[in-house]
Amino acid sequence: MKSSRAFTLIELLIVIAIIGILMSLLFPAVNAAIDSARKAQAKNDVTQIATAVFAYETEYGRLPATNSGAQNVGSPVLAALMGSNVSSLNPRLIVFLEVNNAKKGKSGVSNGAFVDPWGGSYKIVYDENYDNSVTAGTNGKTIRKKVGVWNVPSSQTPVPSASQQKRRYVTSWD
């Protein structure tokens, strides 16, 4: 007598279904890990921007402000911090901030502006009257800092849900 040791079609389908269920449970965990890594990158970016502004001020004795109020981290401020601005903002062409071009899922320069890992913009505000206080952030919070840098989750494409915006919001002062 010959005994068969092969799987039946039903047994194979059950195994495939179990693997499918396990994979569906894995995807949210992977997405959460990717989102957490992007948030860490965004936090690093806002810290680097603020540090670059402090280094700029140490070198030139003034802030690289081009106008009052919050503004996008883009030209001409970004060019001055990156040492590519030959105007009066950075006449010595000192590199205070090194930024690569943005790629999918990575922050960097895109269309002349520094964007976060989700493709949204970074904002910056300076203490132009040197009272060590600025109004910064999406909620207009007054902070006791010389420079405030934050990202704007509502500028990300596609626009994230309100809960995602709250999770993706990053500041330089926290």
N, C-alpha and C. Protein backbone atom coordinates (compact mmCIF):
# COMPACT_ATOMS: atom_id res chain seq x y z
N MET A 1 0.81 -1.18 0.00
CA MET A 1 0.00 0.00 0.00
C MET A 1 0.86 1.25 0.00
N LYS A 2 0.40 2.21 -0.73
CA LYS A 2 1.13 3.45 -0.87
C LYS A 2 0.34 4.56 -0.18
N SER A 3 0.97 5.26 0.75
CA SER A 3 0.26 6.34 1.44
C SER A 3 0.67 7.67 0.81
N SER A 4 -0.28 8.58 0.72
CA SER A 4 -0.03 9.88 0.12
C SER A 4 0.28 10.90 1.22
N ARG A 5 1.36 11.64 1.06
CA ARG A 5 1.79 12.63 2.03
C ARG A 5 1.59 14.05 1.49
N ALA A 6 0.84 14.27 0.47
CA ALA A 6 0.65 15.57 -0.14
C ALA A 6 -0.49 16.34 0.55
N PHE A 7 -0.42 17.69 0.45
CA PHE A 7 -1.49 18.52 0.98
C PHE A 7 -2.66 18.53 0.01
N THR A 8 -3.86 18.65 0.54
CA THR A 8 -5.04 18.79 -0.31
C THR A 8 -5.19 20.25 -0.68
N LEU A 9 -6.01 20.53 -1.66
CA LEU A 9 -6.25 21.90 -2.10
C LEU A 9 -6.85 22.73 -0.97
N ILE A 10 -7.73 22.18 -0.21
CA ILE A 10 -8.36 22.89 0.92
C ILE A 10 -7.30 23.28 1.95
N GLU A 11 -6.40 22.40 2.28
CA GLU A 11 -5.35 22.68 3.25
C GLU A 11 -4.43 23.81 2.75
N LEU A 12 -4.10 23.78 1.48
CA LEU A 12 -3.28 24.85 0.91
C LEU A 12 -4.00 26.20 0.96
N LEU A 13 -5.28 26.22 0.65
CA LEU A 13 -6.05 27.47 0.69
C LEU A 13 -6.14 28.01 2.12
N ILE A 14 -6.27 27.12 3.09
CA ILE A 14 -6.31 27.54 4.49
C ILE A 14 -4.98 28.17 4.90
N VAL A 15 -3.87 27.57 4.51
CA VAL A 15 -2.55 28.13 4.82
C VAL A 15 -2.37 29.49 4.17
N ILE A 16 -2.78 29.63 2.91
CA ILE A 16 -2.67 30.91 2.20
C ILE A 16 -3.54 31.96 2.88
N ALA A 17 -4.73 31.60 3.32
CA ALA A 17 -5.62 32.53 4.00
C ALA A 17 -5.00 32.99 5.33
N ILE A 18 -4.40 32.08 6.07
CA ILE A 18 -3.76 32.44 7.33
C ILE A 18 -2.60 33.39 7.09
N ILE A 19 -1.80 33.14 6.07
CA ILE A 19 -0.69 34.03 5.73
C ILE A 19 -1.22 35.42 5.36
N GLY A 20 -2.32 35.46 4.60
CA GLY A 20 -2.94 36.73 4.22
C GLY A 20 -3.41 37.52 5.43
N ILE A 21 -4.02 36.84 6.37
CA ILE A 21 -4.49 37.51 7.60
C ILE A 21 -3.31 38.05 8.39
N LEU A 22 -2.26 37.28 8.52
CA LEU A 22 -1.08 37.74 9.25
C LEU A 22 -0.44 38.95 8.57
N MET A 23 -0.39 38.95 7.25
CA MET A 23 0.18 40.08 6.51
C MET A 23 -0.67 41.33 6.71
N SER A 24 -2.01 41.18 6.72
CA SER A 24 -2.88 42.35 6.92
C SER A 24 -2.69 42.93 8.31
N LEU A 25 -2.34 42.12 9.28
CA LEU A 25 -2.06 42.61 10.63
C LEU A 25 -0.70 43.32 10.70
N LEU A 26 0.19 42.97 9.81
CA LEU A 26 1.54 43.53 9.82
C LEU A 26 1.60 44.93 9.20
N PHE A 27 0.77 45.21 8.18
CA PHE A 27 0.84 46.49 7.47
C PHE A 27 0.65 47.71 8.36
N PRO A 28 -0.32 47.76 9.26
CA PRO A 28 -0.43 48.96 10.12
C PRO A 28 0.82 49.17 10.99
N ALA A 29 1.42 48.11 11.46
CA ALA A 29 2.62 48.25 12.28
C ALA A 29 3.77 48.81 11.45
N VAL A 30 3.90 48.38 10.21
CA VAL A 30 4.95 48.89 9.33
C VAL A 30 4.70 50.36 9.03
N ASN A 31 3.45 50.73 8.74
CA ASN A 31 3.12 52.13 8.46
C ASN A 31 3.40 53.01 9.67
N ALA A 32 3.09 52.52 10.86
CA ALA A 32 3.35 53.29 12.07
C ALA A 32 4.85 53.49 12.27
N ALA A 33 5.64 52.47 11.98
CA ALA A 33 7.09 52.58 12.12
C ALA A 33 7.66 53.58 11.10
N ILE A 34 7.15 53.57 9.89
CA ILE A 34 7.61 54.51 8.86
C ILE A 34 7.23 55.93 9.25
N ASP A 35 6.00 56.13 9.74
CA ASP A 35 5.55 57.45 10.17
C ASP A 35 6.39 57.96 11.34
N SER A 36 6.73 57.07 12.25
CA SER A 36 7.57 57.44 13.39
C SER A 36 8.96 57.86 12.93
N ALA A 37 9.51 57.16 11.97
CA ALA A 37 10.83 57.51 11.44
C ALA A 37 10.78 58.86 10.73
N ARG A 38 9.71 59.13 10.00
CA ARG A 38 9.57 60.42 9.33
C ARG A 38 9.44 61.55 10.34
N LYS A 39 8.72 61.31 11.43
CA LYS A 39 8.59 62.33 12.46
C LYS A 39 9.94 62.62 13.10
N ALA A 40 10.74 61.59 13.32
CA ALA A 40 12.08 61.78 13.87
C ALA A 40 12.94 62.59 12.90
N GLN A 41 12.81 62.34 11.61
CA GLN A 41 13.55 63.10 10.60
C GLN A 41 13.11 64.56 10.61
N ALA A 42 11.80 64.80 10.72
CA ALA A 42 11.28 66.17 10.76
C ALA A 42 11.78 66.91 12.00
N LYS A 43 11.81 66.22 13.14
CA LYS A 43 12.33 66.83 14.37
C LYS A 43 13.81 67.19 14.20
N ASN A 44 14.56 66.32 13.57
CA ASN A 44 15.97 66.59 13.29
C ASN A 44 16.10 67.81 12.37
N ASP A 45 15.24 67.90 11.36
CA ASP A 45 15.28 69.02 10.42
C ASP A 45 15.04 70.35 11.11
N VAL A 46 13.97 70.44 11.93
CA VAL A 46 13.67 71.72 12.58
C VAL A 46 14.78 72.12 13.55
N THR A 47 15.38 71.13 14.20
CA THR A 47 16.50 71.42 15.11
C THR A 47 17.71 71.92 14.32
N GLN A 48 17.99 71.30 13.18
CA GLN A 48 19.12 71.74 12.35
C GLN A 48 18.91 73.15 11.80
N ILE A 49 17.68 73.46 11.41
CA ILE A 49 17.39 74.80 10.88
C ILE A 49 17.62 75.84 11.98
N ALA A 50 17.09 75.58 13.18
CA ALA A 50 17.27 76.52 14.29
C ALA A 50 18.75 76.67 14.64
N THR A 51 19.48 75.58 14.66
CA THR A 51 20.92 75.62 14.96
C THR A 51 21.67 76.41 13.89
N ALA A 52 21.29 76.24 12.63
CA ALA A 52 21.93 76.98 11.55
C ALA A 52 21.68 78.48 11.69
N VAL A 53 20.49 78.85 12.11
CA VAL A 53 20.19 80.27 12.32
C VAL A 53 21.05 80.84 13.45
N PHE A 54 21.22 80.08 14.54
CA PHE A 54 22.08 80.53 15.64
C PHE A 54 23.52 80.68 15.17
N ALA A 55 24.00 79.74 14.37
CA ALA A 55 25.37 79.84 13.84
C ALA A 55 25.50 81.05 12.92
N TYR A 56 24.47 81.29 12.10
CA TYR A 56 24.47 82.47 11.22
C TYR A 56 24.56 83.75 12.06
N GLU A 57 23.75 83.80 13.12
CA GLU A 57 23.76 84.99 13.97
C GLU A 57 25.12 85.18 14.65
N THR A 58 25.73 84.09 15.07
CA THR A 58 27.05 84.17 15.69
C THR A 58 28.07 84.73 14.70
N GLU A 59 27.98 84.31 13.45
CA GLU A 59 28.93 84.75 12.43
C GLU A 59 28.71 86.21 12.01
N TYR A 60 27.45 86.58 11.75
CA TYR A 60 27.16 87.89 11.18
C TYR A 60 26.61 88.91 12.18
N GLY A 61 26.28 88.48 13.40
CA GLY A 61 25.76 89.41 14.40
C GLY A 61 24.33 89.86 14.16
N ARG A 62 23.62 89.16 13.30
CA ARG A 62 22.22 89.47 13.01
C ARG A 62 21.53 88.20 12.53
N LEU A 63 20.22 88.24 12.54
CA LEU A 63 19.45 87.09 12.06
C LEU A 63 19.26 87.19 10.55
N PRO A 64 19.09 86.07 9.85
CA PRO A 64 18.92 86.12 8.40
C PRO A 64 17.50 86.48 7.98
N ALA A 65 16.83 87.31 8.77
CA ALA A 65 15.44 87.67 8.48
C ALA A 65 15.36 88.56 7.25
N THR A 66 14.39 88.28 6.41
CA THR A 66 14.17 89.12 5.24
C THR A 66 12.86 89.89 5.37
N ASN A 67 11.97 89.44 6.24
CA ASN A 67 10.75 90.17 6.55
C ASN A 67 10.25 89.71 7.91
N SER A 68 9.35 90.46 8.48
CA SER A 68 8.87 90.11 9.81
C SER A 68 7.77 89.06 9.71
N GLY A 69 7.56 88.35 10.81
CA GLY A 69 6.52 87.33 10.86
C GLY A 69 7.02 85.98 10.37
N ALA A 70 6.15 85.01 10.49
CA ALA A 70 6.48 83.65 10.07
C ALA A 70 6.60 83.58 8.55
N GLN A 71 7.56 82.79 8.10
CA GLN A 71 7.76 82.62 6.66
C GLN A 71 8.20 81.19 6.37
N ASN A 72 8.01 80.76 5.15
CA ASN A 72 8.48 79.43 4.74
C ASN A 72 10.00 79.41 4.75
N VAL A 73 10.55 78.25 5.06
CA VAL A 73 12.00 78.09 4.99
C VAL A 73 12.32 77.83 3.51
N GLY A 74 12.52 78.90 2.81
CA GLY A 74 12.81 78.85 1.38
C GLY A 74 13.69 80.03 1.02
N SER A 75 13.77 80.35 -0.25
CA SER A 75 14.59 81.49 -0.68
C SER A 75 14.02 82.75 -0.08
N PRO A 76 14.85 83.69 0.29
CA PRO A 76 16.31 83.74 0.28
C PRO A 76 16.95 83.19 1.56
N VAL A 77 16.14 82.92 2.59
CA VAL A 77 16.69 82.45 3.87
C VAL A 77 17.42 81.12 3.71
N LEU A 78 16.80 80.18 3.02
CA LEU A 78 17.43 78.87 2.82
C LEU A 78 18.73 79.01 2.05
N ALA A 79 18.72 79.85 1.03
CA ALA A 79 19.95 80.06 0.24
C ALA A 79 21.05 80.66 1.11
N ALA A 80 20.68 81.58 2.01
CA ALA A 80 21.68 82.18 2.89
C ALA A 80 22.26 81.15 3.85
N LEU A 81 21.42 80.28 4.41
CA LEU A 81 21.89 79.26 5.34
C LEU A 81 22.71 78.19 4.64
N MET A 82 22.41 77.93 3.38
CA MET A 82 23.13 76.90 2.62
C MET A 82 24.40 77.44 1.97
N GLY A 83 24.64 78.74 2.09
CA GLY A 83 25.86 79.31 1.53
C GLY A 83 25.81 79.49 0.04
N SER A 84 24.63 79.50 -0.55
CA SER A 84 24.54 79.68 -2.00
C SER A 84 24.00 81.06 -2.36
N ASN A 85 23.89 81.94 -1.39
CA ASN A 85 23.35 83.27 -1.60
C ASN A 85 24.50 84.27 -1.67
N VAL A 86 24.68 84.91 -2.80
CA VAL A 86 25.78 85.87 -2.95
C VAL A 86 25.33 87.29 -2.63
N SER A 87 24.10 87.46 -2.17
CA SER A 87 23.62 88.79 -1.83
C SER A 87 24.16 89.19 -0.45
N SER A 88 23.60 90.20 0.12
CA SER A 88 24.08 90.72 1.40
C SER A 88 23.74 89.79 2.57
N LEU A 89 22.89 88.77 2.39
CA LEU A 89 22.54 87.88 3.50
C LEU A 89 23.69 86.99 3.93
N ASN A 90 24.50 86.51 2.99
CA ASN A 90 25.63 85.65 3.33
C ASN A 90 26.78 85.94 2.37
N PRO A 91 27.42 87.10 2.52
CA PRO A 91 28.46 87.49 1.55
C PRO A 91 29.69 86.59 1.58
N ARG A 92 29.96 85.90 2.69
CA ARG A 92 31.13 85.02 2.78
C ARG A 92 30.83 83.60 2.28
N LEU A 93 29.59 83.34 1.92
CA LEU A 93 29.14 82.04 1.40
C LEU A 93 29.46 80.88 2.36
N ILE A 94 29.26 81.11 3.64
CA ILE A 94 29.49 80.08 4.66
C ILE A 94 28.30 79.13 4.66
N VAL A 95 28.57 77.84 4.72
CA VAL A 95 27.51 76.84 4.75
C VAL A 95 27.14 76.58 6.21
N PHE A 96 25.93 76.97 6.57
CA PHE A 96 25.43 76.74 7.92
C PHE A 96 24.50 75.53 7.97
N LEU A 97 23.96 75.16 6.82
CA LEU A 97 22.97 74.09 6.73
C LEU A 97 23.18 73.34 5.42
N GLU A 98 23.34 72.03 5.51
CA GLU A 98 23.46 71.20 4.31
C GLU A 98 22.17 70.43 4.11
N VAL A 99 21.57 70.60 2.95
CA VAL A 99 20.28 69.97 2.65
C VAL A 99 20.35 69.34 1.27
N ASN A 100 19.95 68.07 1.19
CA ASN A 100 19.88 67.39 -0.11
C ASN A 100 18.55 67.70 -0.77
N ASN A 101 18.42 67.29 -2.01
CA ASN A 101 17.14 67.42 -2.70
C ASN A 101 16.14 66.45 -2.10
N ALA A 102 14.90 66.85 -2.06
CA ALA A 102 13.85 66.01 -1.50
C ALA A 102 13.57 64.82 -2.41
N LYS A 103 13.36 63.68 -1.79
CA LYS A 103 12.97 62.47 -2.51
C LYS A 103 11.73 61.94 -1.83
N LYS A 104 11.02 61.06 -2.46
CA LYS A 104 9.79 60.52 -1.89
C LYS A 104 10.07 59.93 -0.51
N GLY A 105 9.40 60.48 0.50
CA GLY A 105 9.56 59.99 1.86
C GLY A 105 10.76 60.54 2.59
N LYS A 106 11.50 61.47 1.95
CA LYS A 106 12.66 62.07 2.60
C LYS A 106 12.57 63.58 2.46
N SER A 107 12.93 64.27 3.53
CA SER A 107 12.88 65.73 3.49
C SER A 107 14.05 66.27 2.68
N GLY A 108 13.95 67.54 2.31
CA GLY A 108 15.01 68.18 1.55
C GLY A 108 14.48 69.37 0.79
N VAL A 109 15.25 69.84 -0.17
CA VAL A 109 14.88 71.00 -0.96
C VAL A 109 14.02 70.56 -2.14
N SER A 110 12.87 71.22 -2.28
CA SER A 110 11.97 70.97 -3.40
C SER A 110 11.39 72.31 -3.84
N ASN A 111 11.60 72.66 -5.09
CA ASN A 111 11.11 73.93 -5.64
C ASN A 111 11.56 75.14 -4.82
N GLY A 112 12.80 75.12 -4.37
CA GLY A 112 13.37 76.25 -3.65
C GLY A 112 12.97 76.35 -2.18
N ALA A 113 12.28 75.35 -1.65
CA ALA A 113 11.87 75.39 -0.24
C ALA A 113 12.29 74.09 0.43
N PHE A 114 12.53 74.17 1.72
CA PHE A 114 12.86 73.00 2.54
C PHE A 114 11.53 72.35 2.93
N VAL A 115 11.33 71.10 2.54
CA VAL A 115 10.08 70.40 2.84
C VAL A 115 10.32 69.27 3.81
N ASP A 116 9.27 68.94 4.56
CA ASP A 116 9.36 67.85 5.54
C ASP A 116 9.24 66.50 4.83
N PRO A 117 9.39 65.38 5.55
CA PRO A 117 9.37 64.07 4.91
C PRO A 117 8.05 63.71 4.22
N TRP A 118 6.98 64.41 4.56
CA TRP A 118 5.68 64.15 3.93
C TRP A 118 5.42 65.11 2.78
N GLY A 119 6.36 66.03 2.51
CA GLY A 119 6.21 66.98 1.41
C GLY A 119 5.63 68.31 1.81
N GLY A 120 5.38 68.53 3.10
CA GLY A 120 4.84 69.79 3.59
C GLY A 120 5.94 70.80 3.85
N SER A 121 5.55 72.02 4.15
CA SER A 121 6.53 73.08 4.33
C SER A 121 6.96 73.24 5.79
N TYR A 122 8.13 73.84 5.96
CA TYR A 122 8.61 74.25 7.27
C TYR A 122 8.43 75.76 7.36
N LYS A 123 8.09 76.23 8.54
CA LYS A 123 7.95 77.67 8.79
C LYS A 123 9.00 78.09 9.81
N ILE A 124 9.40 79.35 9.73
CA ILE A 124 10.38 79.90 10.67
C ILE A 124 9.94 81.30 11.07
N VAL A 125 10.20 81.65 12.32
CA VAL A 125 9.95 83.01 12.81
C VAL A 125 11.13 83.41 13.67
N TYR A 126 11.51 84.68 13.57
CA TYR A 126 12.68 85.20 14.29
C TYR A 126 12.25 86.20 15.35
N ASP A 127 13.07 86.32 16.38
CA ASP A 127 12.90 87.35 17.40
C ASP A 127 13.63 88.59 16.89
N GLU A 128 12.96 89.39 16.07
CA GLU A 128 13.60 90.52 15.42
C GLU A 128 13.84 91.71 16.35
N ASN A 129 13.06 91.80 17.44
CA ASN A 129 13.27 92.91 18.37
C ASN A 129 14.09 92.49 19.59
N TYR A 130 14.60 91.28 19.58
CA TYR A 130 15.49 90.75 20.62
C TYR A 130 14.91 90.83 22.03
N ASP A 131 13.62 90.50 22.15
CA ASP A 131 13.01 90.41 23.48
C ASP A 131 12.90 88.96 23.94
N ASN A 132 13.54 88.04 23.19
CA ASN A 132 13.56 86.61 23.51
C ASN A 132 12.16 86.01 23.56
N SER A 133 11.31 86.44 22.62
CA SER A 133 9.94 85.95 22.57
C SER A 133 9.44 86.02 21.13
N VAL A 134 8.87 84.92 20.64
CA VAL A 134 8.29 84.89 19.30
C VAL A 134 6.94 84.19 19.36
N THR A 135 6.08 84.52 18.40
CA THR A 135 4.80 83.84 18.25
C THR A 135 4.98 82.84 17.13
N ALA A 136 4.88 81.56 17.47
CA ALA A 136 5.23 80.51 16.50
C ALA A 136 4.23 79.37 16.56
N GLY A 137 4.29 78.54 15.55
CA GLY A 137 3.47 77.32 15.50
C GLY A 137 2.14 77.56 14.85
N THR A 138 1.45 76.46 14.58
CA THR A 138 0.16 76.55 13.91
C THR A 138 -0.91 77.14 14.81
N ASN A 139 -0.70 77.11 16.14
CA ASN A 139 -1.67 77.68 17.07
C ASN A 139 -1.28 79.07 17.55
N GLY A 140 -0.22 79.67 17.02
CA GLY A 140 0.20 81.01 17.39
C GLY A 140 0.65 81.13 18.83
N LYS A 141 1.35 80.14 19.31
CA LYS A 141 1.84 80.10 20.69
C LYS A 141 3.03 81.03 20.85
N THR A 142 3.06 81.77 21.97
CA THR A 142 4.21 82.61 22.28
C THR A 142 5.23 81.76 23.02
N ILE A 143 6.44 81.71 22.48
CA ILE A 143 7.51 80.91 23.09
C ILE A 143 8.66 81.82 23.46
N ARG A 144 9.43 81.41 24.43
CA ARG A 144 10.58 82.17 24.91
C ARG A 144 11.84 81.67 24.21
N LYS A 145 11.93 81.96 22.94
CA LYS A 145 13.08 81.56 22.11
C LYS A 145 13.42 82.69 21.16
N LYS A 146 14.60 82.60 20.61
CA LYS A 146 15.03 83.57 19.61
C LYS A 146 14.55 83.18 18.21
N VAL A 147 14.41 81.86 18.00
CA VAL A 147 13.99 81.34 16.70
C VAL A 147 13.00 80.20 16.94
N GLY A 148 11.94 80.18 16.16
CA GLY A 148 10.98 79.07 16.21
C GLY A 148 10.85 78.46 14.82
N VAL A 149 10.95 77.14 14.75
CA VAL A 149 10.81 76.43 13.47
C VAL A 149 9.80 75.31 13.68
N TRP A 150 8.90 75.13 12.73
CA TRP A 150 7.90 74.07 12.82
C TRP A 150 7.48 73.66 11.41
N ASN A 151 6.85 72.48 11.33
CA ASN A 151 6.32 72.05 10.04
C ASN A 151 4.83 72.34 10.00
N VAL A 152 4.27 72.33 8.79
CA VAL A 152 2.85 72.62 8.60
C VAL A 152 2.21 71.39 7.98
N PRO A 153 1.65 70.48 8.82
CA PRO A 153 1.07 69.25 8.27
C PRO A 153 -0.07 69.49 7.29
N SER A 154 -0.80 70.59 7.43
CA SER A 154 -1.92 70.84 6.51
C SER A 154 -1.44 71.18 5.10
N SER A 155 -0.13 71.44 4.92
CA SER A 155 0.41 71.72 3.59
C SER A 155 0.91 70.46 2.89
N GLN A 156 0.79 69.31 3.57
CA GLN A 156 1.27 68.06 2.99
C GLN A 156 0.27 67.54 1.96
N THR A 157 0.78 66.81 0.97
CA THR A 157 -0.06 66.27 -0.09
C THR A 157 -0.01 64.75 -0.06
N PRO A 158 -1.14 64.07 0.00
CA PRO A 158 -2.49 64.60 0.20
C PRO A 158 -2.63 65.12 1.63
N VAL A 159 -3.61 66.02 1.83
CA VAL A 159 -3.80 66.61 3.15
C VAL A 159 -4.21 65.50 4.13
N PRO A 160 -3.44 65.33 5.21
CA PRO A 160 -3.74 64.27 6.16
C PRO A 160 -4.97 64.60 7.01
N SER A 161 -5.53 63.58 7.63
CA SER A 161 -6.66 63.78 8.53
C SER A 161 -6.22 64.60 9.74
N ALA A 162 -7.17 65.08 10.51
CA ALA A 162 -6.86 65.91 11.68
C ALA A 162 -5.98 65.15 12.68
N SER A 163 -6.26 63.88 12.89
CA SER A 163 -5.45 63.10 13.83
C SER A 163 -4.03 62.88 13.28
N GLN A 164 -3.91 62.66 11.97
CA GLN A 164 -2.58 62.52 11.37
C GLN A 164 -1.81 63.83 11.45
N GLN A 165 -2.50 64.96 11.23
CA GLN A 165 -1.84 66.27 11.33
C GLN A 165 -1.29 66.48 12.73
N LYS A 166 -2.06 66.08 13.73
CA LYS A 166 -1.60 66.24 15.12
C LYS A 166 -0.37 65.38 15.39
N ARG A 167 -0.36 64.15 14.86
CA ARG A 167 0.79 63.26 15.06
C ARG A 167 2.02 63.72 14.29
N ARG A 168 1.82 64.36 13.15
CA ARG A 168 2.94 64.78 12.30
C ARG A 168 3.49 66.17 12.64
N TYR A 169 2.87 66.89 13.52
CA TYR A 169 3.28 68.25 13.87
C TYR A 169 4.57 68.20 14.70
N VAL A 170 5.58 68.94 14.26
CA VAL A 170 6.89 68.93 14.91
C VAL A 170 7.35 70.37 15.09
N THR A 171 7.94 70.66 16.26
CA THR A 171 8.45 72.00 16.55
C THR A 171 9.89 71.93 17.03
N SER A 172 10.58 73.06 16.95
CA SER A 172 11.97 73.11 17.41
C SER A 172 12.08 73.43 18.88
N TRP A 173 11.00 73.82 19.53
CA TRP A 173 11.08 74.27 20.92
C TRP A 173 10.59 73.24 21.93
N ASP A 174 10.11 72.11 21.52
CA ASP A 174 9.68 71.05 22.45
C ASP A 174 10.77 70.05 22.71
